[in-house]
Amino acid sequence: MTSPDAGGHAARHERAKRVIPGGVNSPVRAFQSVGGAPIFVKSAHGPYLVDADGREFIDFVCSWGPMILGHAHPSVIEAVTRTAASGTSFGACTESETELAEMVRDCVPSVEKVRLVCSGTEATMSAVRLARGYTGREKIVKFRGCYHGHGDSFLISAGSGAMTFGNPSSPGVTKGSAQDTLLAEYNDLDSVRALFQANADTIAAIIVEPVAGNMGVLVPEPGFLQGLRDLCDGKRTLLIFDEVITGFRLGLAGAQGFYRVTPDLTCLGKIMGGGLPMAAYGGRADIMDMLSPVGPVYQAGTLAGNPLATAAGLAQLRELRKPGFYETLNKRAETWEMEMRSALAGLKTPWCLNRVGSLMTVFFCAGPVRDYESALKADAGLYGRFFHAMLDQGIYLAPSQFEAAFLSAAHDDGVMGRTLEAVRRAISRI
């Protein structure tokens, strides 16, 4: 495998920057965390990406999670192609919307009713609005480092202490929005208790990634998720699980099934759309029936539940429901972890590996990495060198230290063997 044509990709990036801010439509694609020019992809199949120059890469980004079957899976492609021939959007009801909602309900026991939307951000911001409408309260609790999309309520940085409101972390987010978001520390129940004590009966919801995936993979410590459930029960506050990443990734019932903790509302996305723009939020029927047109909480979407996305989602979920799918995938991921640990043993600087199911992050720092502060200790510069050493060998990892690597069913033993050899060579260079 020769090095990617940085000059060709750089030229493509410069062209894109003339018409797209930063040349990208989602910031992490710009490679700013690792340096260099982003690759431009032409096609993908199975565990591989093919760039605009025809070079092939083993892909561990998997479109940031949706491609759990691998790219261009025949069942998904056939379903989308067949559906497109009948039209791509109607702005009216279809039976496939109902069928997908029924399948989600059957897979995720806490979801009695579900509303389809087009993105994870739309799901989380809608779930928070619904929680506020249902409880009649305004404040929410989120955790530092957990990412719930780019809604105003979520782009919040820390205040001066645990008792303070957050501050906007992006221009354009008002102080009014920020003051209704309280920040706690992931894996620290005491920080949540302190917020409840300081804010009495004003908290509508806690929203959390049950497995943090956007500061790298962080594993919930024993009792953390159940502790959140107990706190919410005692305060008549709703618990929202943001399972945009973990939904249908750790199992059909997501992280809530994996850890046996039941939220009031669940946000889903990525995998459930089979690679097309699709997300959802759902939960108890009495909460969901607060939504218009039944109740007073408004949310709408012209392309929500469009037939192409529902067809892709149905096809993918049918594959995931086949016996043994998750047992096989998670067993392969367990082997992957053990072999990665062996390969990384030759690295002379500290490292830490976190894995849950088929999600994994290697942090270039001493462990444990359990919260935002410990994640920030990772050596992002060293990760950047590792990233490019792997890219040179045809392995595409997340272009940021603070993201997950995703395994798909298409990452077979041959692919994993090539990857591990590349890891050994990469650490000898950095």
Protein backbone atom coordinates (compact mmCIF):
# COMPACT_ATOMS: atom_id res chain seq x y z
CA MET A 1 0.00 0.00 0.00
CA THR A 2 1.49 3.31 -1.04
CA SER A 3 0.86 6.53 0.84
CA PRO A 4 -2.31 8.39 -0.04
CA ASP A 5 -1.85 11.11 -2.63
CA ALA A 6 -1.76 14.00 -0.18
CA GLY A 7 -1.29 16.43 -3.05
CA GLY A 8 -4.41 15.21 -4.86
CA HIS A 9 -6.53 15.26 -1.73
CA ALA A 10 -5.12 18.65 -0.74
CA ALA A 11 -6.18 20.06 -4.10
CA ARG A 12 -9.66 18.60 -3.67
CA HIS A 13 -9.85 20.10 -0.20
CA GLU A 14 -8.80 23.53 -1.47
CA ARG A 15 -11.51 23.35 -4.12
CA ALA A 16 -14.09 22.39 -1.49
CA LYS A 17 -13.01 25.22 0.81
CA ARG A 18 -13.94 27.74 -1.86
CA VAL A 19 -17.62 26.78 -1.57
CA ILE A 20 -17.97 24.91 1.77
CA PRO A 21 -16.82 26.37 5.12
CA GLY A 22 -13.56 24.59 5.92
CA GLY A 23 -14.16 22.36 2.93
CA VAL A 24 -16.24 19.95 5.00
CA ASN A 25 -19.86 19.47 6.02
CA SER A 26 -18.95 18.10 9.46
CA PRO A 27 -15.88 19.49 11.27
CA VAL A 28 -14.08 16.26 12.25
CA ARG A 29 -13.70 15.37 8.56
CA ALA A 30 -11.25 18.25 8.11
CA PHE A 31 -8.35 16.32 9.78
CA GLN A 32 -7.54 19.35 11.96
CA SER A 33 -6.93 17.09 14.98
CA VAL A 34 -4.39 14.94 13.14
CA GLY A 35 -3.04 17.29 10.47
CA GLY A 36 -2.78 16.83 6.75
CA ALA A 37 -5.39 16.83 4.02
CA PRO A 38 -8.58 14.80 4.45
CA ILE A 39 -9.10 11.90 2.10
CA PHE A 40 -11.94 12.13 -0.41
CA VAL A 41 -13.89 8.89 -0.79
CA LYS A 42 -15.30 7.61 -4.07
CA SER A 43 -16.86 4.31 -3.00
CA ALA A 44 -16.96 1.67 -0.29
CA HIS A 45 -17.60 -2.05 -0.02
CA GLY A 46 -17.49 -4.44 2.92
CA PRO A 47 -14.75 -3.24 5.31
CA TYR A 48 -13.09 -1.02 2.68
CA LEU A 49 -13.13 2.59 1.51
CA VAL A 50 -11.84 3.55 -1.93
CA ASP A 51 -10.54 7.10 -2.29
CA ALA A 52 -10.82 9.39 -5.29
CA ASP A 53 -7.49 8.08 -6.61
CA GLY A 54 -8.59 4.45 -6.41
CA ARG A 55 -6.60 3.58 -3.26
CA GLU A 56 -8.23 1.14 -0.87
CA PHE A 57 -8.34 1.51 2.92
CA ILE A 58 -9.55 -0.78 5.67
CA ASP A 59 -12.20 1.36 7.37
CA PHE A 60 -12.65 1.55 11.15
CA VAL A 61 -14.85 4.66 11.04
CA CYS A 62 -17.76 2.88 9.32
CA SER A 63 -19.50 6.21 8.66
CA TRP A 64 -19.16 6.88 12.42
CA GLY A 65 -21.06 3.71 13.28
CA PRO A 66 -23.94 2.99 10.91
CA MET A 67 -22.11 0.41 8.79
CA ILE A 68 -22.32 -2.44 11.28
CA LEU A 69 -22.87 -4.88 8.39
CA GLY A 70 -20.08 -3.35 6.32
CA HIS A 71 -20.41 -0.95 3.41
CA ALA A 72 -22.89 -1.54 0.57
CA HIS A 73 -24.43 -4.61 2.15
CA PRO A 74 -26.50 -6.35 -0.55
CA SER A 75 -29.72 -6.46 1.50
CA VAL A 76 -29.60 -2.73 2.21
CA ILE A 77 -28.65 -1.76 -1.34
CA GLU A 78 -31.42 -3.92 -2.81
CA ALA A 79 -34.03 -2.43 -0.47
CA VAL A 80 -33.02 1.17 -1.25
CA THR A 81 -32.82 0.56 -5.01
CA ARG A 82 -36.20 -1.15 -5.11
CA THR A 83 -37.83 1.60 -3.04
CA ALA A 84 -36.28 4.47 -5.02
CA ALA A 85 -37.98 3.22 -8.16
CA SER A 86 -41.32 4.05 -6.53
CA GLY A 87 -40.35 7.52 -5.34
CA THR A 88 -37.98 9.05 -2.81
CA SER A 89 -40.28 11.21 -0.68
CA PHE A 90 -44.00 11.80 -0.40
CA GLY A 91 -44.56 14.08 2.59
CA ALA A 92 -47.34 11.68 3.54
CA CYS A 93 -47.77 8.53 5.63
CA THR A 94 -46.28 5.21 4.52
CA GLU A 95 -46.69 1.73 5.97
CA SER A 96 -42.91 1.35 6.11
CA GLU A 97 -42.78 4.07 8.81
CA THR A 98 -45.14 2.04 10.96
CA GLU A 99 -43.23 -1.16 10.27
CA LEU A 100 -39.93 0.42 11.31
CA ALA A 101 -41.48 1.91 14.45
CA GLU A 102 -42.90 -1.51 15.34
CA MET A 103 -39.49 -3.10 14.84
CA VAL A 104 -37.83 -0.51 17.09
CA ARG A 105 -40.48 -1.11 19.74
CA ASP A 106 -39.96 -4.87 19.53
CA CYS A 107 -36.19 -4.53 19.90
CA VAL A 108 -36.06 -1.86 22.63
CA PRO A 109 -38.50 -2.74 25.45
CA SER A 110 -38.48 0.75 27.02
CA VAL A 111 -39.82 2.26 23.79
CA GLU A 112 -43.61 2.02 23.63
CA LYS A 113 -44.02 4.72 21.00
CA VAL A 114 -41.47 6.29 18.68
CA ARG A 115 -41.17 9.38 16.48
CA LEU A 116 -38.93 9.17 13.40
CA VAL A 117 -36.65 12.09 12.56
CA CYS A 118 -33.67 12.65 10.25
CA SER A 119 -30.61 13.11 12.51
CA GLY A 120 -29.29 12.36 15.97
CA THR A 121 -29.24 16.07 16.78
CA GLU A 122 -32.91 16.32 15.88
CA ALA A 123 -33.67 13.32 18.11
CA THR A 124 -31.85 14.66 21.17
CA MET A 125 -33.11 18.23 20.95
CA SER A 126 -36.66 16.95 20.46
CA ALA A 127 -36.36 14.56 23.40
CA VAL A 128 -35.22 17.39 25.66
CA ARG A 129 -38.10 19.61 24.52
CA LEU A 130 -40.50 16.75 25.18
CA ALA A 131 -39.05 16.18 28.66
CA ARG A 132 -39.47 19.85 29.47
CA GLY A 133 -43.03 19.84 28.18
CA TYR A 134 -43.91 16.68 30.11
CA THR A 135 -42.42 17.76 33.44
CA GLY A 136 -43.13 21.48 33.25
CA ARG A 137 -39.49 22.12 34.20
CA GLU A 138 -36.72 23.87 32.28
CA LYS A 139 -33.30 22.66 33.37
CA ILE A 140 -31.45 19.59 32.11
CA VAL A 141 -28.31 17.82 33.30
CA LYS A 142 -25.69 16.70 30.80
CA PHE A 143 -22.17 15.38 31.30
CA ARG A 144 -18.93 17.07 30.33
CA GLY A 145 -17.52 15.45 27.23
CA CYS A 146 -20.74 13.71 26.21
CA TYR A 147 -21.90 14.88 22.80
CA HIS A 148 -25.58 15.05 21.88
CA GLY A 149 -25.39 16.90 18.61
CA HIS A 150 -25.24 20.61 17.92
CA GLY A 151 -28.47 21.76 19.56
CA ASP A 152 -28.11 24.93 21.65
CA SER A 153 -28.81 23.10 24.91
CA PHE A 154 -25.80 20.82 24.36
CA LEU A 155 -23.05 23.22 23.26
CA ILE A 156 -22.21 24.14 26.81
CA SER A 157 -18.86 24.41 28.60
CA ALA A 158 -18.20 24.31 32.33
CA GLY A 159 -18.99 27.20 34.64
CA SER A 160 -16.85 28.19 37.59
CA GLY A 161 -17.85 25.22 39.74
CA ALA A 162 -20.17 22.28 40.17
CA MET A 163 -23.00 24.49 41.40
CA THR A 164 -22.95 26.89 38.46
CA PHE A 165 -24.77 26.98 35.20
CA GLY A 166 -22.80 26.26 32.05
CA ASN A 167 -21.54 28.84 29.59
CA PRO A 168 -22.02 28.78 25.81
CA SER A 169 -19.18 26.93 24.09
CA SER A 170 -20.06 28.23 20.62
CA PRO A 171 -20.90 31.73 19.38
CA GLY A 172 -24.56 31.83 18.53
CA VAL A 173 -25.64 29.95 21.65
CA THR A 174 -27.32 32.39 24.01
CA LYS A 175 -26.65 32.68 27.71
CA GLY A 176 -30.36 32.05 28.15
CA SER A 177 -29.99 28.63 26.56
CA ALA A 178 -26.86 27.87 28.54
CA GLN A 179 -28.33 28.75 31.91
CA ASP A 180 -30.82 25.90 31.68
CA THR A 181 -28.09 23.28 31.17
CA LEU A 182 -26.27 21.95 34.23
CA LEU A 183 -22.97 20.10 33.83
CA ALA A 184 -22.04 16.96 35.76
CA GLU A 185 -19.04 14.63 35.51
CA TYR A 186 -19.39 11.28 33.77
CA ASN A 187 -19.02 8.32 36.17
CA ASP A 188 -19.47 10.66 39.17
CA LEU A 189 -22.85 10.29 40.84
CA ASP A 190 -21.91 12.75 43.57
CA SER A 191 -21.63 15.53 40.97
CA VAL A 192 -25.20 14.77 39.87
CA ARG A 193 -26.48 14.67 43.44
CA ALA A 194 -24.91 18.08 44.06
CA LEU A 195 -26.75 19.55 41.08
CA PHE A 196 -30.06 18.12 42.28
CA GLN A 197 -29.49 19.52 45.76
CA ALA A 198 -28.67 22.97 44.38
CA ASN A 199 -31.53 23.09 41.90
CA ALA A 200 -34.35 21.51 43.86
CA ASP A 201 -37.34 20.60 41.67
CA THR A 202 -36.34 22.42 38.49
CA ILE A 203 -34.61 19.61 36.55
CA ALA A 204 -36.65 18.12 33.72
CA ALA A 205 -34.19 15.47 32.57
CA ILE A 206 -30.76 13.93 32.69
CA ILE A 207 -29.38 13.16 29.24
CA VAL A 208 -26.40 10.84 28.96
CA GLU A 209 -24.53 8.68 26.50
CA PRO A 210 -24.75 5.40 28.46
CA VAL A 211 -21.40 4.51 26.91
CA ALA A 212 -19.60 7.74 26.14
CA GLY A 213 -18.40 7.70 22.56
CA ASN A 214 -17.44 11.27 21.77
CA MET A 215 -14.48 11.74 24.09
CA GLY A 216 -13.29 8.34 23.04
CA VAL A 217 -15.03 5.25 24.40
CA LEU A 218 -15.64 5.60 28.14
CA VAL A 219 -17.17 2.70 30.02
CA PRO A 220 -19.88 3.35 32.63
CA GLU A 221 -18.63 2.17 35.99
CA PRO A 222 -20.72 -0.33 37.98
CA GLY A 223 -23.72 1.39 39.51
CA PHE A 224 -23.38 4.65 37.55
CA LEU A 225 -26.30 4.19 35.15
CA GLN A 226 -28.53 2.60 37.79
CA GLY A 227 -27.61 5.45 40.11
CA LEU A 228 -28.88 7.93 37.53
CA ARG A 229 -32.10 5.93 37.25
CA ASP A 230 -32.55 6.01 41.02
CA LEU A 231 -31.88 9.75 41.22
CA CYS A 232 -34.43 10.47 38.52
CA ASP A 233 -37.05 8.30 40.20
CA GLY A 234 -36.60 10.17 43.46
CA LYS A 235 -36.95 13.59 41.83
CA ARG A 236 -39.64 12.89 39.18
CA THR A 237 -37.01 13.71 36.55
CA LEU A 238 -36.83 11.91 33.21
CA LEU A 239 -33.78 9.86 32.24
CA ILE A 240 -32.82 10.16 28.57
CA PHE A 241 -30.36 7.72 27.05
CA ASP A 242 -28.65 9.08 23.96
CA GLU A 243 -28.13 5.79 22.11
CA VAL A 244 -27.41 7.32 18.72
CA ILE A 245 -24.10 5.42 18.79
CA THR A 246 -24.91 2.48 21.08
CA GLY A 247 -28.40 1.75 19.77
CA PHE A 248 -28.33 -1.57 17.85
CA ARG A 249 -24.53 -1.54 18.31
CA LEU A 250 -24.20 -3.38 21.65
CA GLY A 251 -27.24 -5.53 20.93
CA LEU A 252 -30.79 -5.17 19.68
CA ALA A 253 -31.76 -3.38 22.90
CA GLY A 254 -28.66 -1.18 22.86
CA ALA A 255 -26.81 -0.12 26.00
CA GLN A 256 -29.98 -0.25 28.10
CA GLY A 257 -30.29 -3.94 27.34
CA PHE A 258 -26.55 -4.48 27.77
CA TYR A 259 -26.52 -2.84 31.22
CA ARG A 260 -30.14 -3.59 32.19
CA VAL A 261 -31.07 -0.01 33.06
CA THR A 262 -34.33 1.42 31.69
CA PRO A 263 -34.54 5.07 30.60
CA ASP A 264 -37.74 7.06 30.15
CA LEU A 265 -36.74 8.29 26.68
CA THR A 266 -34.26 6.89 24.17
CA CYS A 267 -32.60 8.62 21.21
CA LEU A 268 -31.56 6.40 18.32
CA GLY A 269 -29.79 6.98 15.02
CA LYS A 270 -26.90 5.86 12.81
CA ILE A 271 -27.38 2.06 12.62
CA MET A 272 -31.18 2.26 12.47
CA GLY A 273 -30.94 4.15 9.15
CA GLY A 274 -28.61 1.72 7.39
CA GLY A 275 -26.42 4.63 6.30
CA LEU A 276 -29.22 6.99 5.25
CA PRO A 277 -30.35 10.05 7.25
CA MET A 278 -32.57 8.47 9.90
CA ALA A 279 -32.95 8.80 13.67
CA ALA A 280 -35.71 8.48 16.25
CA TYR A 281 -36.68 9.17 19.81
CA GLY A 282 -39.13 7.13 21.81
CA GLY A 283 -40.19 5.99 25.23
CA ARG A 284 -43.17 5.53 27.48
CA ALA A 285 -46.49 6.08 25.75
CA ASP A 286 -47.71 8.65 28.28
CA ILE A 287 -44.64 10.79 27.60
CA MET A 288 -44.68 10.36 23.82
CA ASP A 289 -48.37 11.24 23.65
CA MET A 290 -47.44 14.76 24.75
CA LEU A 291 -46.25 15.26 21.15
CA SER A 292 -48.35 17.03 18.54
CA PRO A 293 -50.83 16.19 17.08
CA VAL A 294 -51.93 14.32 20.23
CA GLY A 295 -50.43 16.73 22.77
CA PRO A 296 -49.08 20.28 22.95
CA VAL A 297 -45.31 19.69 22.40
CA TYR A 298 -44.52 20.54 18.78
CA GLN A 299 -42.05 18.79 16.50
CA ALA A 300 -42.27 18.13 12.76
CA GLY A 301 -40.13 17.18 9.77
CA THR A 302 -40.83 17.15 6.04
CA LEU A 303 -38.42 14.28 5.31
CA ALA A 304 -38.93 12.40 8.57
CA GLY A 305 -39.56 8.73 7.89
CA ASN A 306 -38.87 9.11 4.18
CA PRO A 307 -39.21 5.83 2.28
CA LEU A 308 -35.54 5.40 1.32
CA ALA A 309 -34.33 5.72 4.91
CA THR A 310 -37.04 3.49 6.31
CA ALA A 311 -36.29 0.86 3.66
CA ALA A 312 -32.59 0.93 4.52
CA GLY A 313 -33.33 0.79 8.24
CA LEU A 314 -35.72 -2.12 7.92
CA ALA A 315 -33.29 -4.09 5.78
CA GLN A 316 -30.43 -3.53 8.20
CA LEU A 317 -32.43 -4.35 11.33
CA ARG A 318 -33.68 -7.57 9.75
CA GLU A 319 -30.06 -8.64 9.27
CA LEU A 320 -29.22 -7.72 12.87
CA ARG A 321 -32.12 -9.81 14.17
CA LYS A 322 -30.74 -12.99 12.64
CA PRO A 323 -29.66 -15.49 15.33
CA GLY A 324 -26.08 -15.18 16.53
CA PHE A 325 -25.26 -11.84 14.88
CA TYR A 326 -24.21 -10.01 18.03
CA GLU A 327 -22.59 -13.03 19.64
CA THR A 328 -20.33 -13.37 16.59
CA LEU A 329 -19.57 -9.65 16.33
CA ASN A 330 -18.83 -9.16 20.03
CA LYS A 331 -16.68 -12.30 20.19
CA ARG A 332 -14.64 -10.98 17.27
CA ALA A 333 -14.32 -7.64 19.08
CA GLU A 334 -13.11 -9.41 22.22
CA THR A 335 -10.40 -11.15 20.18
CA TRP A 336 -9.60 -7.82 18.50
CA GLU A 337 -9.04 -6.21 21.90
CA MET A 338 -6.71 -8.96 23.11
CA GLU A 339 -4.65 -8.85 19.94
CA MET A 340 -4.52 -5.05 19.96
CA ARG A 341 -3.22 -5.13 23.53
CA SER A 342 -0.51 -7.54 22.42
CA ALA A 343 0.41 -5.37 19.43
CA LEU A 344 0.53 -2.18 21.53
CA ALA A 345 2.72 -3.78 24.19
CA GLY A 346 5.78 -2.68 22.21
CA LEU A 347 4.91 1.00 22.57
CA LYS A 348 7.31 2.73 24.97
CA THR A 349 4.89 5.48 26.01
CA PRO A 350 1.79 4.94 28.19
CA TRP A 351 -1.44 3.83 26.56
CA CYS A 352 -4.88 2.71 27.66
CA LEU A 353 -7.51 0.74 25.73
CA ASN A 354 -11.25 0.98 26.41
CA ARG A 355 -13.77 -1.30 24.73
CA VAL A 356 -17.47 -2.03 25.02
CA GLY A 357 -18.86 -4.52 22.52
CA SER A 358 -17.64 -3.54 19.05
CA LEU A 359 -16.63 0.00 20.09
CA MET A 360 -13.02 0.70 21.05
CA THR A 361 -10.58 3.57 21.66
CA VAL A 362 -6.84 3.49 22.26
CA PHE A 363 -5.81 6.48 24.39
CA PHE A 364 -2.17 7.52 24.35
CA CYS A 365 -1.95 8.13 28.08
CA ALA A 366 -1.83 6.15 31.29
CA GLY A 367 -5.19 4.78 32.36
CA PRO A 368 -7.75 4.51 33.57
CA VAL A 369 -9.63 6.87 31.28
CA ARG A 370 -13.02 7.19 32.94
CA ASP A 371 -14.18 10.81 32.54
CA TYR A 372 -13.58 14.03 30.67
CA GLU A 373 -10.54 15.09 32.68
CA SER A 374 -8.73 11.80 32.27
CA ALA A 375 -9.56 11.69 28.54
CA LEU A 376 -7.94 15.12 28.11
CA LYS A 377 -4.63 13.66 29.33
CA ALA A 378 -4.31 11.67 26.11
CA ASP A 379 -1.46 12.73 23.83
CA ALA A 380 -3.33 13.96 20.77
CA GLY A 381 -0.09 14.70 18.95
CA LEU A 382 1.10 11.12 19.34
CA TYR A 383 -2.29 9.91 18.16
CA GLY A 384 -1.92 12.08 15.06
CA ARG A 385 1.40 10.44 14.24
CA PHE A 386 -0.11 7.00 14.82
CA PHE A 387 -3.09 7.91 12.62
CA HIS A 388 -0.88 8.88 9.69
CA ALA A 389 1.40 5.87 10.14
CA MET A 390 -1.70 3.68 9.86
CA LEU A 391 -3.14 5.69 6.97
CA ASP A 392 0.12 5.23 5.06
CA GLN A 393 -0.45 1.47 5.37
CA GLY A 394 -4.04 1.61 4.16
CA ILE A 395 -5.84 1.67 7.52
CA TYR A 396 -8.40 4.46 8.05
CA LEU A 397 -8.97 5.30 11.72
CA ALA A 398 -11.00 8.14 13.19
CA PRO A 399 -9.14 11.42 12.49
CA SER A 400 -9.31 12.37 16.18
CA GLN A 401 -8.01 10.87 19.42
CA PHE A 402 -11.41 11.44 21.00
CA GLU A 403 -13.56 9.14 18.87
CA ALA A 404 -14.38 5.45 18.70
CA ALA A 405 -13.15 2.77 16.34
CA PHE A 406 -16.05 0.69 14.98
CA LEU A 407 -15.93 -2.97 14.06
CA SER A 408 -18.33 -4.36 11.47
CA ALA A 409 -19.41 -7.86 10.54
CA ALA A 410 -17.31 -7.46 7.39
CA HIS A 411 -14.03 -7.13 9.35
CA ASP A 412 -12.97 -10.76 9.00
CA ASP A 413 -9.83 -12.48 10.28
CA GLY A 414 -7.81 -11.52 7.21
CA VAL A 415 -8.70 -7.83 7.58
CA MET A 416 -7.91 -7.88 11.28
CA GLY A 417 -4.59 -9.63 10.69
CA ARG A 418 -3.54 -6.93 8.22
CA THR A 419 -4.59 -4.25 10.69
CA LEU A 420 -2.61 -5.72 13.58
CA GLU A 421 0.52 -5.98 11.45
CA ALA A 422 0.05 -2.33 10.53
CA VAL A 423 -0.25 -1.42 14.24
CA ARG A 424 3.06 -3.12 14.99
CA ARG A 425 4.80 -1.29 12.19
CA ALA A 426 3.19 2.03 13.13
CA ILE A 427 4.32 1.96 16.76
CA SER A 428 7.86 1.23 15.63
CA ARG A 429 7.79 4.52 13.69
CA ILE A 430 6.28 6.83 16.27
